[in-house]
């Protein structure tokens, strides 16, 4: 099964820039996280659901590759798609795309964290739907 692709358009704002006039490396991580929260919220798994269930996402590993410089006021789309979900461990790819050019690639390993038991949990059907893995 191929996972759903989520698109999140952004404009590169002045506050994202470093002294060199391009996007600061830490901002990429923030923008990728913003896109992840956007799609899980739109799919019924926002902060209220996390508080209700005691289950929420936790990043275990991040790998990011900066390929092309992003500059102020450029239009970018963050494309997010699950690569796999095996047992309690998931992999997600996120791309920052300017027009048709991939400018940054990130891969995140994450899981569903049980806030009360302080350990990873098996994904629930609602969580799988939220991340685009429903069949």
Protein backbone atom coordinates (compact mmCIF):
# COMPACT_ATOMS: atom_id res chain seq x y z
CA UNK A 1 0.00 0.00 0.00
CA UNK A 2 1.28 3.44 -0.92
CA UNK A 3 0.83 6.04 1.80
CA UNK A 4 -0.99 9.30 1.23
CA UNK A 5 1.03 12.39 0.28
CA UNK A 6 0.40 15.55 2.29
CA UNK A 7 1.22 18.99 0.87
CA UNK A 8 1.90 22.06 3.00
CA UNK A 9 2.61 25.34 1.15
CA UNK A 10 4.72 28.02 2.82
CA UNK A 11 6.40 31.30 1.95
CA UNK A 12 9.96 31.77 3.14
CA UNK A 13 9.72 34.70 5.55
CA UNK A 14 12.39 37.16 6.63
CA UNK A 15 12.40 35.75 10.17
CA UNK A 16 13.61 32.39 8.79
CA UNK A 17 16.88 33.84 7.49
CA UNK A 18 20.36 33.71 8.97
CA UNK A 19 23.21 36.19 8.52
CA UNK A 20 23.94 34.72 5.08
CA UNK A 21 20.48 35.60 3.79
CA UNK A 22 19.25 32.04 3.47
CA UNK A 23 17.11 29.82 5.67
CA UNK A 24 18.78 28.87 8.95
CA UNK A 25 19.28 25.12 9.39
CA UNK A 26 17.20 24.97 12.59
CA UNK A 27 14.28 26.63 10.80
CA UNK A 28 14.05 23.69 8.39
CA UNK A 29 13.35 21.41 11.35
CA UNK A 30 10.66 23.79 12.62
CA UNK A 31 8.98 24.02 9.22
CA UNK A 32 9.01 20.24 8.79
CA UNK A 33 7.41 19.88 12.23
CA UNK A 34 4.80 22.51 11.36
CA UNK A 35 3.87 20.48 8.28
CA UNK A 36 3.60 17.26 10.33
CA UNK A 37 1.29 18.90 12.86
CA UNK A 38 -0.80 20.28 10.03
CA UNK A 39 -1.54 16.93 8.45
CA UNK A 40 -2.17 15.00 11.66
CA UNK A 41 -4.53 17.76 12.84
CA UNK A 42 -6.40 17.73 9.54
CA UNK A 43 -6.74 13.96 9.89
CA UNK A 44 -8.31 14.05 13.35
CA UNK A 45 -5.28 13.65 15.60
CA UNK A 46 -4.57 17.04 17.16
CA UNK A 47 -3.52 18.03 20.63
CA UNK A 48 -7.00 17.33 22.06
CA UNK A 49 -6.82 13.72 20.81
CA UNK A 50 -3.32 13.36 22.27
CA UNK A 51 -4.55 14.58 25.66
CA UNK A 52 -7.61 12.31 25.46
CA UNK A 53 -5.73 9.14 24.48
CA UNK A 54 -2.39 9.78 26.14
CA UNK A 55 -0.74 8.83 22.84
CA UNK A 56 1.26 11.21 20.68
CA UNK A 57 4.12 11.32 18.19
CA UNK A 58 7.76 11.26 19.26
CA UNK A 59 10.76 11.70 16.96
CA UNK A 60 13.45 9.06 17.45
CA UNK A 61 15.85 10.08 14.70
CA UNK A 62 16.20 12.82 12.07
CA UNK A 63 18.32 12.91 8.94
CA UNK A 64 18.27 16.11 6.89
CA UNK A 65 20.03 16.95 3.63
CA UNK A 66 20.28 20.56 2.43
CA UNK A 67 20.43 20.47 -1.36
CA UNK A 68 19.51 23.93 -2.67
CA UNK A 69 19.49 27.30 -0.97
CA UNK A 70 16.12 28.77 -0.04
CA UNK A 71 15.81 32.56 0.04
CA UNK A 72 13.33 35.13 1.23
CA UNK A 73 9.80 35.25 -0.22
CA UNK A 74 10.16 32.05 -2.22
CA UNK A 75 7.10 29.79 -2.42
CA UNK A 76 7.83 26.29 -1.18
CA UNK A 77 5.73 23.18 -0.69
CA UNK A 78 6.55 20.63 1.98
CA UNK A 79 5.61 17.18 0.74
CA UNK A 80 5.23 14.55 3.47
CA UNK A 81 4.78 10.82 2.97
CA UNK A 82 5.15 7.78 5.17
CA UNK A 83 7.77 5.31 3.97
CA UNK A 84 6.98 2.51 6.40
CA UNK A 85 5.40 1.58 9.72
CA UNK A 86 6.72 -1.64 11.19
CA UNK A 87 5.60 -2.68 14.65
CA UNK A 88 6.14 0.49 16.74
CA UNK A 89 8.61 2.25 14.43
CA UNK A 90 7.69 4.52 11.53
CA UNK A 91 9.67 6.29 8.83
CA UNK A 92 8.50 9.50 7.18
CA UNK A 93 10.05 11.41 4.29
CA UNK A 94 9.58 15.15 3.92
CA UNK A 95 10.72 17.21 0.96
CA UNK A 96 10.89 20.98 0.58
CA UNK A 97 10.15 21.72 -3.04
CA UNK A 98 10.52 25.04 -4.85
CA UNK A 99 8.62 24.77 -8.11
CA UNK A 100 9.76 21.29 -9.19
CA UNK A 101 13.18 21.43 -7.54
CA UNK A 102 13.83 19.51 -4.31
CA UNK A 103 15.73 21.88 -2.03
CA UNK A 104 15.82 19.85 1.18
CA UNK A 105 15.15 16.22 2.02
CA UNK A 106 14.49 14.90 5.52
CA UNK A 107 13.75 11.45 6.85
CA UNK A 108 12.34 11.01 10.33
CA UNK A 109 12.08 7.86 12.40
CA UNK A 110 9.31 8.16 14.96
CA UNK A 111 6.75 6.29 16.99
CA UNK A 112 3.55 6.73 18.92
CA UNK A 113 4.47 7.52 22.50
CA UNK A 114 2.33 6.51 25.48
CA UNK A 115 2.60 9.56 27.73
CA UNK A 116 1.42 7.70 30.84
CA UNK A 117 3.54 4.55 30.47
CA UNK A 118 6.52 6.49 29.03
CA UNK A 119 7.16 4.04 26.21
CA UNK A 120 6.34 3.48 22.56
CA UNK A 121 2.93 2.03 21.73
CA UNK A 122 1.59 0.13 18.77
CA UNK A 123 -0.15 2.45 16.29
CA UNK A 124 -3.91 2.71 16.61
CA UNK A 125 -6.20 2.76 13.56
CA UNK A 126 -6.91 6.46 14.17
CA UNK A 127 -3.19 7.22 14.30
CA UNK A 128 -2.53 5.26 11.11
CA UNK A 129 -5.26 7.28 9.40
CA UNK A 130 -3.73 10.53 10.69
CA UNK A 131 -0.35 9.72 9.15
CA UNK A 132 -1.81 8.51 5.86
CA UNK A 133 -1.28 4.77 6.33
CA UNK A 134 -4.88 3.60 6.24
CA UNK A 135 -5.67 0.98 3.64
